[in-house]
Amino acid sequence: MGLSDLFSRRPNRFVSEKEFEANLKSQMAMTPQTLGQLRAYDVTPEQRRRLEFFFYTDTLEKAAALAAELKDRAYEVDCRPSASDAEVQLISGSTLEMTMSDATVLNWTREMCILGFKHDCDFDGWETNV
C-alpha cells in the first residue's frame, strides 16, 4: 500500500488528509527542538533511549489494529479510553531502545505519523527520560 492509498477519501475518518499533513509537518519541526533540549541534558546522538509514544483515535477497532502493528515491532503498547474524553481511545507505549541521533529519531517520527494515519489514528508525539 502506497502513501497515496492512505489518502483515499473515506467517510468518517478521525484524521483527515489535511490534519495528517499538518501534524506531520509539526512533528518533524518539534523533533529537532526536543532533541536539542535532550542535548542540553547531555543525551548524545550515540546514546540509546526508549521513546514513549502517544496516539489518539475514535474507535476501539482502530486502536487495536494500530496496537497490534506496534506490538509486532516488539513495542510495549496499551490502549484505553482517554482520561479527558471517553469517546477517544489513547494508544500509548514505548519503543525498544534506539540511538538519539537526529536522523534516527526524525525517521522514526515520520514513520509513526504515517503508521498512525494508515490506521486512522493521530500521532500525538513522543518523549523520553533523561
N, C-alpha and C. Protein backbone atom coordinates (compact mmCIF):
# COMPACT_ATOMS: atom_id res chain seq x y z
N MET A 1 0.84 -1.17 0.00
CA MET A 1 0.00 0.00 0.00
C MET A 1 0.89 1.24 0.00
N GLY A 2 0.71 2.10 -0.97
CA GLY A 2 1.48 3.33 -1.05
C GLY A 2 0.86 4.42 -0.20
N LEU A 3 1.63 5.48 0.01
CA LEU A 3 1.14 6.59 0.80
C LEU A 3 -0.11 7.20 0.17
N SER A 4 -0.15 7.26 -1.16
CA SER A 4 -1.32 7.83 -1.81
C SER A 4 -2.58 7.02 -1.53
N ASP A 5 -2.43 5.71 -1.31
CA ASP A 5 -3.58 4.87 -0.98
C ASP A 5 -4.18 5.26 0.37
N LEU A 6 -3.34 5.78 1.26
CA LEU A 6 -3.81 6.17 2.58
C LEU A 6 -4.69 7.41 2.51
N PHE A 7 -4.54 8.17 1.44
CA PHE A 7 -5.27 9.42 1.32
C PHE A 7 -6.63 9.26 0.66
N SER A 8 -7.09 8.03 0.49
CA SER A 8 -8.38 7.83 -0.15
C SER A 8 -9.46 8.57 0.65
N ARG A 9 -10.41 9.06 -0.02
CA ARG A 9 -11.46 9.87 0.61
C ARG A 9 -12.51 8.95 1.24
N ARG A 10 -12.22 8.48 2.43
CA ARG A 10 -13.16 7.63 3.13
C ARG A 10 -13.94 8.48 4.13
N PRO A 11 -15.24 8.23 4.23
CA PRO A 11 -16.02 8.99 5.20
C PRO A 11 -15.69 8.55 6.62
N ASN A 12 -16.05 9.39 7.57
CA ASN A 12 -15.92 9.07 8.99
C ASN A 12 -14.49 8.80 9.44
N ARG A 13 -13.56 9.52 8.85
CA ARG A 13 -12.17 9.38 9.31
C ARG A 13 -11.97 10.25 10.54
N PHE A 14 -11.14 9.77 11.46
CA PHE A 14 -10.76 10.54 12.63
C PHE A 14 -9.72 11.59 12.26
N VAL A 15 -8.83 11.24 11.33
CA VAL A 15 -7.75 12.13 10.90
C VAL A 15 -7.89 12.37 9.40
N SER A 16 -8.14 13.60 9.02
CA SER A 16 -8.24 13.94 7.59
C SER A 16 -6.85 14.03 6.98
N GLU A 17 -6.78 14.03 5.67
CA GLU A 17 -5.51 14.19 4.98
C GLU A 17 -4.84 15.51 5.37
N LYS A 18 -5.64 16.57 5.43
CA LYS A 18 -5.12 17.89 5.78
C LYS A 18 -4.56 17.89 7.21
N GLU A 19 -5.28 17.26 8.14
CA GLU A 19 -4.80 17.17 9.53
C GLU A 19 -3.52 16.35 9.62
N PHE A 20 -3.47 15.26 8.85
CA PHE A 20 -2.27 14.42 8.82
C PHE A 20 -1.07 15.22 8.34
N GLU A 21 -1.24 15.94 7.23
CA GLU A 21 -0.13 16.72 6.67
C GLU A 21 0.34 17.79 7.65
N ALA A 22 -0.60 18.46 8.33
CA ALA A 22 -0.24 19.50 9.30
C ALA A 22 0.49 18.88 10.50
N ASN A 23 0.01 17.72 10.96
CA ASN A 23 0.64 17.06 12.10
C ASN A 23 2.04 16.57 11.73
N LEU A 24 2.19 15.99 10.55
CA LEU A 24 3.50 15.52 10.11
C LEU A 24 4.49 16.69 10.09
N LYS A 25 4.07 17.79 9.52
CA LYS A 25 4.94 18.98 9.47
C LYS A 25 5.30 19.44 10.88
N SER A 26 4.33 19.48 11.76
CA SER A 26 4.55 19.91 13.14
C SER A 26 5.49 18.95 13.88
N GLN A 27 5.24 17.64 13.76
CA GLN A 27 6.08 16.65 14.45
C GLN A 27 7.52 16.71 13.94
N MET A 28 7.69 16.90 12.64
CA MET A 28 9.03 16.96 12.07
C MET A 28 9.76 18.23 12.49
N ALA A 29 9.01 19.28 12.80
CA ALA A 29 9.63 20.52 13.30
C ALA A 29 9.93 20.42 14.79
N MET A 30 9.08 19.75 15.55
CA MET A 30 9.27 19.66 17.00
C MET A 30 10.38 18.68 17.38
N THR A 31 10.59 17.65 16.58
CA THR A 31 11.58 16.63 16.94
C THR A 31 12.99 17.20 17.10
N PRO A 32 13.50 18.01 16.17
CA PRO A 32 14.84 18.59 16.39
C PRO A 32 14.89 19.49 17.63
N GLN A 33 13.79 20.18 17.93
CA GLN A 33 13.75 21.03 19.12
C GLN A 33 13.85 20.16 20.38
N THR A 34 13.12 19.06 20.40
CA THR A 34 13.15 18.15 21.56
C THR A 34 14.54 17.53 21.70
N LEU A 35 15.12 17.13 20.58
CA LEU A 35 16.47 16.56 20.63
C LEU A 35 17.47 17.61 21.12
N GLY A 36 17.29 18.86 20.73
CA GLY A 36 18.14 19.93 21.22
C GLY A 36 18.04 20.08 22.74
N GLN A 37 16.83 19.95 23.26
CA GLN A 37 16.66 20.01 24.71
C GLN A 37 17.34 18.82 25.38
N LEU A 38 17.25 17.64 24.76
CA LEU A 38 17.91 16.46 25.32
C LEU A 38 19.43 16.64 25.32
N ARG A 39 19.97 17.28 24.28
CA ARG A 39 21.41 17.53 24.22
C ARG A 39 21.85 18.39 25.41
N ALA A 40 20.99 19.32 25.82
CA ALA A 40 21.31 20.18 26.97
C ALA A 40 21.41 19.36 28.26
N TYR A 41 20.80 18.18 28.27
CA TYR A 41 20.88 17.27 29.41
C TYR A 41 21.90 16.16 29.16
N ASP A 42 22.83 16.43 28.25
CA ASP A 42 23.92 15.50 27.93
C ASP A 42 23.48 14.18 27.32
N VAL A 43 22.35 14.18 26.62
CA VAL A 43 21.94 13.00 25.86
C VAL A 43 22.56 13.15 24.48
N THR A 44 23.57 12.33 24.19
CA THR A 44 24.30 12.44 22.93
C THR A 44 23.61 11.64 21.84
N PRO A 45 23.92 11.93 20.57
CA PRO A 45 23.32 11.17 19.46
C PRO A 45 23.61 9.67 19.52
N GLU A 46 24.71 9.29 20.15
CA GLU A 46 25.07 7.87 20.20
C GLU A 46 24.35 7.13 21.31
N GLN A 47 23.83 7.85 22.28
CA GLN A 47 23.15 7.19 23.39
C GLN A 47 21.83 6.58 22.93
N ARG A 48 21.43 5.54 23.63
CA ARG A 48 20.20 4.83 23.29
C ARG A 48 19.15 5.08 24.37
N ARG A 49 17.94 5.31 23.92
CA ARG A 49 16.81 5.54 24.82
C ARG A 49 15.57 4.87 24.24
N ARG A 50 14.66 4.54 25.14
CA ARG A 50 13.32 4.12 24.72
C ARG A 50 12.49 5.39 24.56
N LEU A 51 11.67 5.44 23.55
CA LEU A 51 10.76 6.57 23.37
C LEU A 51 9.36 6.15 23.78
N GLU A 52 8.70 7.01 24.54
CA GLU A 52 7.29 6.80 24.87
C GLU A 52 6.47 7.54 23.82
N PHE A 53 5.44 6.88 23.29
CA PHE A 53 4.64 7.45 22.20
C PHE A 53 3.17 7.50 22.58
N PHE A 54 2.44 8.35 21.84
CA PHE A 54 1.02 8.58 22.11
C PHE A 54 0.27 8.77 20.79
N PHE A 55 -0.83 8.06 20.66
CA PHE A 55 -1.74 8.20 19.52
C PHE A 55 -3.16 8.33 20.07
N TYR A 56 -4.04 8.94 19.27
CA TYR A 56 -5.46 9.01 19.60
C TYR A 56 -6.27 8.59 18.39
N THR A 57 -7.45 7.99 18.64
CA THR A 57 -8.39 7.68 17.57
C THR A 57 -9.79 7.58 18.16
N ASP A 58 -10.77 7.29 17.29
CA ASP A 58 -12.16 7.33 17.74
C ASP A 58 -12.83 5.97 17.92
N THR A 59 -12.16 4.87 17.60
CA THR A 59 -12.80 3.57 17.82
C THR A 59 -11.80 2.58 18.41
N LEU A 60 -12.33 1.65 19.16
CA LEU A 60 -11.50 0.59 19.75
C LEU A 60 -10.88 -0.28 18.66
N GLU A 61 -11.61 -0.48 17.57
CA GLU A 61 -11.10 -1.30 16.46
C GLU A 61 -9.86 -0.69 15.83
N LYS A 62 -9.89 0.61 15.59
CA LYS A 62 -8.72 1.30 15.01
C LYS A 62 -7.55 1.26 15.99
N ALA A 63 -7.85 1.48 17.27
CA ALA A 63 -6.81 1.45 18.29
C ALA A 63 -6.17 0.07 18.36
N ALA A 64 -7.00 -0.98 18.31
CA ALA A 64 -6.50 -2.35 18.39
C ALA A 64 -5.64 -2.70 17.18
N ALA A 65 -6.03 -2.23 16.00
CA ALA A 65 -5.25 -2.52 14.78
C ALA A 65 -3.88 -1.85 14.85
N LEU A 66 -3.84 -0.60 15.29
CA LEU A 66 -2.56 0.08 15.44
C LEU A 66 -1.72 -0.59 16.52
N ALA A 67 -2.34 -0.92 17.64
CA ALA A 67 -1.62 -1.57 18.74
C ALA A 67 -1.00 -2.88 18.28
N ALA A 68 -1.73 -3.65 17.50
CA ALA A 68 -1.20 -4.93 17.01
C ALA A 68 0.04 -4.71 16.16
N GLU A 69 0.01 -3.71 15.30
CA GLU A 69 1.17 -3.45 14.45
C GLU A 69 2.36 -2.95 15.27
N LEU A 70 2.10 -2.15 16.28
CA LEU A 70 3.17 -1.68 17.16
C LEU A 70 3.74 -2.85 17.98
N LYS A 71 2.88 -3.74 18.43
CA LYS A 71 3.35 -4.92 19.17
C LYS A 71 4.19 -5.82 18.29
N ASP A 72 3.89 -5.88 17.00
CA ASP A 72 4.70 -6.67 16.06
C ASP A 72 6.13 -6.14 15.99
N ARG A 73 6.33 -4.89 16.37
CA ARG A 73 7.68 -4.29 16.40
C ARG A 73 8.34 -4.51 17.77
N ALA A 74 7.69 -5.29 18.61
CA ALA A 74 8.17 -5.58 19.98
C ALA A 74 8.09 -4.35 20.88
N TYR A 75 7.20 -3.41 20.56
CA TYR A 75 6.97 -2.26 21.41
C TYR A 75 5.99 -2.66 22.51
N GLU A 76 6.12 -2.03 23.68
CA GLU A 76 5.11 -2.17 24.73
C GLU A 76 3.97 -1.22 24.36
N VAL A 77 2.72 -1.72 24.41
CA VAL A 77 1.59 -0.92 23.96
C VAL A 77 0.40 -1.11 24.91
N ASP A 78 -0.31 -0.01 25.16
CA ASP A 78 -1.51 -0.03 25.98
C ASP A 78 -2.58 0.78 25.26
N CYS A 79 -3.82 0.30 25.30
CA CYS A 79 -4.97 1.03 24.74
C CYS A 79 -6.00 1.23 25.84
N ARG A 80 -6.54 2.44 25.91
CA ARG A 80 -7.57 2.72 26.90
C ARG A 80 -8.32 3.99 26.48
N PRO A 81 -9.50 4.20 27.03
CA PRO A 81 -10.19 5.47 26.75
C PRO A 81 -9.37 6.64 27.30
N SER A 82 -9.40 7.74 26.60
CA SER A 82 -8.71 8.95 27.04
C SER A 82 -9.31 9.44 28.36
N ALA A 83 -8.47 9.94 29.24
CA ALA A 83 -8.94 10.45 30.53
C ALA A 83 -9.84 11.66 30.35
N SER A 84 -9.62 12.44 29.29
CA SER A 84 -10.40 13.66 29.09
C SER A 84 -11.65 13.46 28.24
N ASP A 85 -11.73 12.32 27.50
CA ASP A 85 -12.87 12.09 26.62
C ASP A 85 -13.01 10.59 26.39
N ALA A 86 -14.00 9.97 27.00
CA ALA A 86 -14.20 8.52 26.90
C ALA A 86 -14.52 8.07 25.47
N GLU A 87 -14.89 9.01 24.61
CA GLU A 87 -15.18 8.68 23.20
C GLU A 87 -13.89 8.51 22.39
N VAL A 88 -12.77 8.93 22.95
CA VAL A 88 -11.49 8.89 22.26
C VAL A 88 -10.61 7.82 22.89
N GLN A 89 -9.97 7.01 22.05
CA GLN A 89 -9.07 5.96 22.50
C GLN A 89 -7.63 6.47 22.50
N LEU A 90 -6.90 6.19 23.56
CA LEU A 90 -5.48 6.52 23.67
C LEU A 90 -4.67 5.25 23.47
N ILE A 91 -3.72 5.31 22.58
CA ILE A 91 -2.77 4.22 22.36
C ILE A 91 -1.42 4.76 22.79
N SER A 92 -0.82 4.17 23.81
CA SER A 92 0.46 4.66 24.29
C SER A 92 1.38 3.48 24.53
N GLY A 93 2.64 3.77 24.69
CA GLY A 93 3.59 2.71 24.95
C GLY A 93 5.01 3.20 24.79
N SER A 94 5.91 2.23 24.63
CA SER A 94 7.31 2.60 24.46
C SER A 94 8.00 1.68 23.46
N THR A 95 9.01 2.23 22.84
CA THR A 95 9.78 1.53 21.81
C THR A 95 10.87 0.68 22.46
N LEU A 96 11.56 -0.04 21.64
CA LEU A 96 12.83 -0.61 22.03
C LEU A 96 13.83 0.55 22.08
N GLU A 97 14.98 0.35 22.67
CA GLU A 97 15.98 1.42 22.69
C GLU A 97 16.45 1.73 21.27
N MET A 98 16.65 3.02 21.00
CA MET A 98 17.19 3.46 19.71
C MET A 98 18.17 4.58 19.97
N THR A 99 19.07 4.79 19.02
CA THR A 99 20.02 5.89 19.18
C THR A 99 19.27 7.21 19.07
N MET A 100 19.77 8.20 19.75
CA MET A 100 19.14 9.51 19.79
C MET A 100 19.70 10.45 18.73
N SER A 101 20.17 9.89 17.62
CA SER A 101 20.65 10.72 16.53
C SER A 101 19.46 11.41 15.86
N ASP A 102 19.71 12.59 15.33
CA ASP A 102 18.64 13.33 14.67
C ASP A 102 18.00 12.50 13.57
N ALA A 103 18.81 11.88 12.72
CA ALA A 103 18.28 11.11 11.59
C ALA A 103 17.41 9.95 12.06
N THR A 104 17.87 9.22 13.06
CA THR A 104 17.12 8.07 13.55
C THR A 104 15.77 8.49 14.11
N VAL A 105 15.78 9.50 14.95
CA VAL A 105 14.53 9.91 15.60
C VAL A 105 13.60 10.61 14.61
N LEU A 106 14.14 11.39 13.70
CA LEU A 106 13.28 12.01 12.67
C LEU A 106 12.64 10.94 11.78
N ASN A 107 13.41 9.95 11.36
CA ASN A 107 12.84 8.87 10.53
C ASN A 107 11.77 8.12 11.29
N TRP A 108 12.01 7.83 12.56
CA TRP A 108 11.03 7.12 13.39
C TRP A 108 9.77 7.97 13.53
N THR A 109 9.92 9.27 13.77
CA THR A 109 8.77 10.17 13.92
C THR A 109 7.92 10.18 12.65
N ARG A 110 8.57 10.30 11.50
CA ARG A 110 7.85 10.28 10.23
C ARG A 110 7.09 8.96 10.08
N GLU A 111 7.78 7.86 10.39
CA GLU A 111 7.16 6.54 10.29
C GLU A 111 5.94 6.42 11.20
N MET A 112 6.02 6.96 12.42
CA MET A 112 4.88 6.88 13.34
C MET A 112 3.71 7.73 12.86
N CYS A 113 3.98 8.89 12.29
CA CYS A 113 2.90 9.71 11.74
C CYS A 113 2.18 8.96 10.63
N ILE A 114 2.94 8.35 9.73
CA ILE A 114 2.36 7.62 8.60
C ILE A 114 1.63 6.37 9.09
N LEU A 115 2.23 5.64 10.02
CA LEU A 115 1.58 4.45 10.57
C LEU A 115 0.27 4.82 11.26
N GLY A 116 0.29 5.88 12.02
CA GLY A 116 -0.94 6.33 12.65
C GLY A 116 -2.01 6.65 11.63
N PHE A 117 -1.66 7.39 10.60
CA PHE A 117 -2.64 7.75 9.58
C PHE A 117 -3.17 6.51 8.86
N LYS A 118 -2.31 5.54 8.64
CA LYS A 118 -2.73 4.28 8.00
C LYS A 118 -3.87 3.64 8.79
N HIS A 119 -3.83 3.76 10.10
CA HIS A 119 -4.85 3.16 10.96
C HIS A 119 -5.88 4.18 11.44
N ASP A 120 -5.89 5.37 10.82
CA ASP A 120 -6.79 6.46 11.18
C ASP A 120 -6.62 6.86 12.65
N CYS A 121 -5.37 6.97 13.05
CA CYS A 121 -5.01 7.41 14.39
C CYS A 121 -4.09 8.63 14.27
N ASP A 122 -4.19 9.52 15.23
CA ASP A 122 -3.38 10.73 15.23
C ASP A 122 -2.16 10.53 16.12
N PHE A 123 -0.96 10.64 15.54
CA PHE A 123 0.27 10.54 16.33
C PHE A 123 0.44 11.84 17.10
N ASP A 124 0.45 11.74 18.44
CA ASP A 124 0.48 12.93 19.27
C ASP A 124 1.88 13.23 19.81
N GLY A 125 2.87 12.43 19.39
CA GLY A 125 4.23 12.76 19.76
C GLY A 125 4.89 11.72 20.64
N TRP A 126 6.07 12.12 21.13
CA TRP A 126 6.90 11.21 21.91
C TRP A 126 7.65 11.99 22.99
N GLU A 127 8.17 11.22 23.94
CA GLU A 127 9.03 11.78 24.99
C GLU A 127 9.96 10.67 25.44
N THR A 128 10.96 11.04 26.21
CA THR A 128 11.88 10.06 26.77
C THR A 128 12.41 10.56 28.09
N ASN A 129 12.98 9.66 28.85
CA ASN A 129 13.60 10.03 30.13
C ASN A 129 15.05 10.39 29.91
N VAL A 130 15.52 11.43 30.61
CA VAL A 130 16.93 11.75 30.58
C VAL A 130 17.62 11.02 31.71
